[in-house]
Amino acid sequence: MPLDAARDAVIAMQATVIQALAAENVRLAGQVADLAARLERLRSGQTTRHRYAIRGYLSTAAKHSINVLAALRDALDGHPWMPPIPDPP
């Protein structure tokens, strides 16, 4: 009889663990869905335009032998580097 009681206790505990894991799975699935929505907002058109504007600015700075990190830091400090105005033909 004691083995039957132990077996019943283990079965009851297994059911509790399975329910807890299922609840955690639902919670994590909700978090994954929220993360996917956040990533989609990051991929919006305006964000993409900003990303390419920054990339183009840094690429131009690099082509003019300007340290890219310094150019970025200076731009964020309010002192952006500007390429020289070309001489007229």
Protein backbone atom coordinates (compact mmCIF):
# COMPACT_ATOMS: atom_id res chain seq x y z
CA MET A 1 0.00 0.00 0.00
CA PRO A 2 2.71 2.59 0.74
CA LEU A 3 4.02 2.15 -2.81
CA ASP A 4 0.57 2.88 -4.21
CA ALA A 5 0.39 6.10 -2.19
CA ALA A 6 3.87 7.13 -3.36
CA ARG A 7 2.95 6.37 -6.96
CA ASP A 8 -0.26 8.42 -6.65
CA ALA A 9 1.72 11.32 -5.15
CA VAL A 10 4.24 11.22 -8.01
CA ILE A 11 1.43 11.15 -10.58
CA ALA A 12 -0.26 14.13 -8.88
CA MET A 13 3.06 15.98 -8.78
CA GLN A 14 3.64 15.23 -12.49
CA ALA A 15 0.25 16.71 -13.33
CA THR A 16 1.09 19.87 -11.34
CA VAL A 17 4.46 20.22 -13.07
CA ILE A 18 2.87 19.73 -16.50
CA GLN A 19 0.26 22.41 -15.75
CA ALA A 20 2.95 24.82 -14.56
CA LEU A 21 5.04 24.20 -17.67
CA ALA A 22 2.03 24.69 -19.93
CA ALA A 23 1.25 28.02 -18.22
CA GLU A 24 4.90 29.10 -18.63
CA ASN A 25 4.78 28.10 -22.30
CA VAL A 26 1.72 30.31 -22.84
CA ARG A 27 3.48 33.23 -21.09
CA LEU A 28 6.63 32.78 -23.19
CA ALA A 29 4.60 32.52 -26.39
CA GLY A 30 3.03 35.89 -25.54
CA GLN A 31 6.48 37.39 -25.00
CA VAL A 32 7.66 36.05 -28.36
CA ALA A 33 4.65 37.62 -30.06
CA ASP A 34 5.38 40.97 -28.36
CA LEU A 35 9.01 40.77 -29.46
CA ALA A 36 7.97 40.04 -33.04
CA ALA A 37 5.71 43.10 -33.00
CA ARG A 38 8.55 45.28 -31.68
CA LEU A 39 10.90 44.00 -34.39
CA GLU A 40 8.31 44.78 -37.04
CA ARG A 41 8.10 48.37 -35.80
CA LEU A 42 11.89 48.62 -36.01
CA ARG A 43 11.68 47.61 -39.65
CA SER A 44 9.27 50.41 -40.47
CA GLY A 45 9.96 52.66 -43.44
CA GLN A 46 10.95 55.68 -41.35
CA THR A 47 13.41 53.65 -39.30
CA THR A 48 14.91 52.24 -42.47
CA ARG A 49 15.31 55.73 -43.97
CA HIS A 50 17.03 56.93 -40.80
CA ARG A 51 19.32 53.91 -40.78
CA TYR A 52 20.39 54.52 -44.40
CA ALA A 53 20.87 58.25 -43.81
CA ILE A 54 23.25 57.49 -40.95
CA ARG A 55 24.98 54.83 -43.00
CA GLY A 56 25.43 57.22 -45.93
CA TYR A 57 26.77 59.96 -43.64
CA LEU A 58 29.34 57.61 -42.14
CA SER A 59 30.29 56.21 -45.54
CA THR A 60 30.90 59.72 -46.88
CA ALA A 61 32.99 60.58 -43.82
CA ALA A 62 35.08 57.44 -44.34
CA LYS A 63 35.62 58.30 -48.03
CA HIS A 64 37.05 61.64 -46.86
CA SER A 65 39.44 59.85 -44.44
CA ILE A 66 37.47 60.97 -41.38
CA ASN A 67 37.40 58.60 -38.42
CA VAL A 68 33.89 57.16 -38.54
CA LEU A 69 33.47 56.86 -34.77
CA ALA A 70 34.71 60.43 -34.27
CA ALA A 71 32.28 61.67 -36.96
CA LEU A 72 29.41 59.85 -35.27
CA ARG A 73 30.37 61.12 -31.82
CA ASP A 74 30.72 64.70 -33.08
CA ALA A 75 27.37 64.50 -34.87
CA LEU A 76 25.66 63.27 -31.71
CA ASP A 77 27.35 66.09 -29.76
CA GLY A 78 25.81 68.61 -32.17
CA HIS A 79 28.93 69.27 -34.26
CA PRO A 80 28.42 67.21 -37.41
CA TRP A 81 31.21 66.86 -39.94
CA MET A 82 30.25 68.18 -43.35
CA PRO A 83 32.04 67.26 -46.56
CA PRO A 84 33.87 70.12 -48.25
CA ILE A 85 32.00 72.04 -50.93
CA PRO A 86 33.51 71.05 -54.27
CA ASP A 87 35.24 73.72 -56.34
CA PRO A 88 33.16 74.96 -59.27
CA PRO A 89 34.23 73.63 -62.65
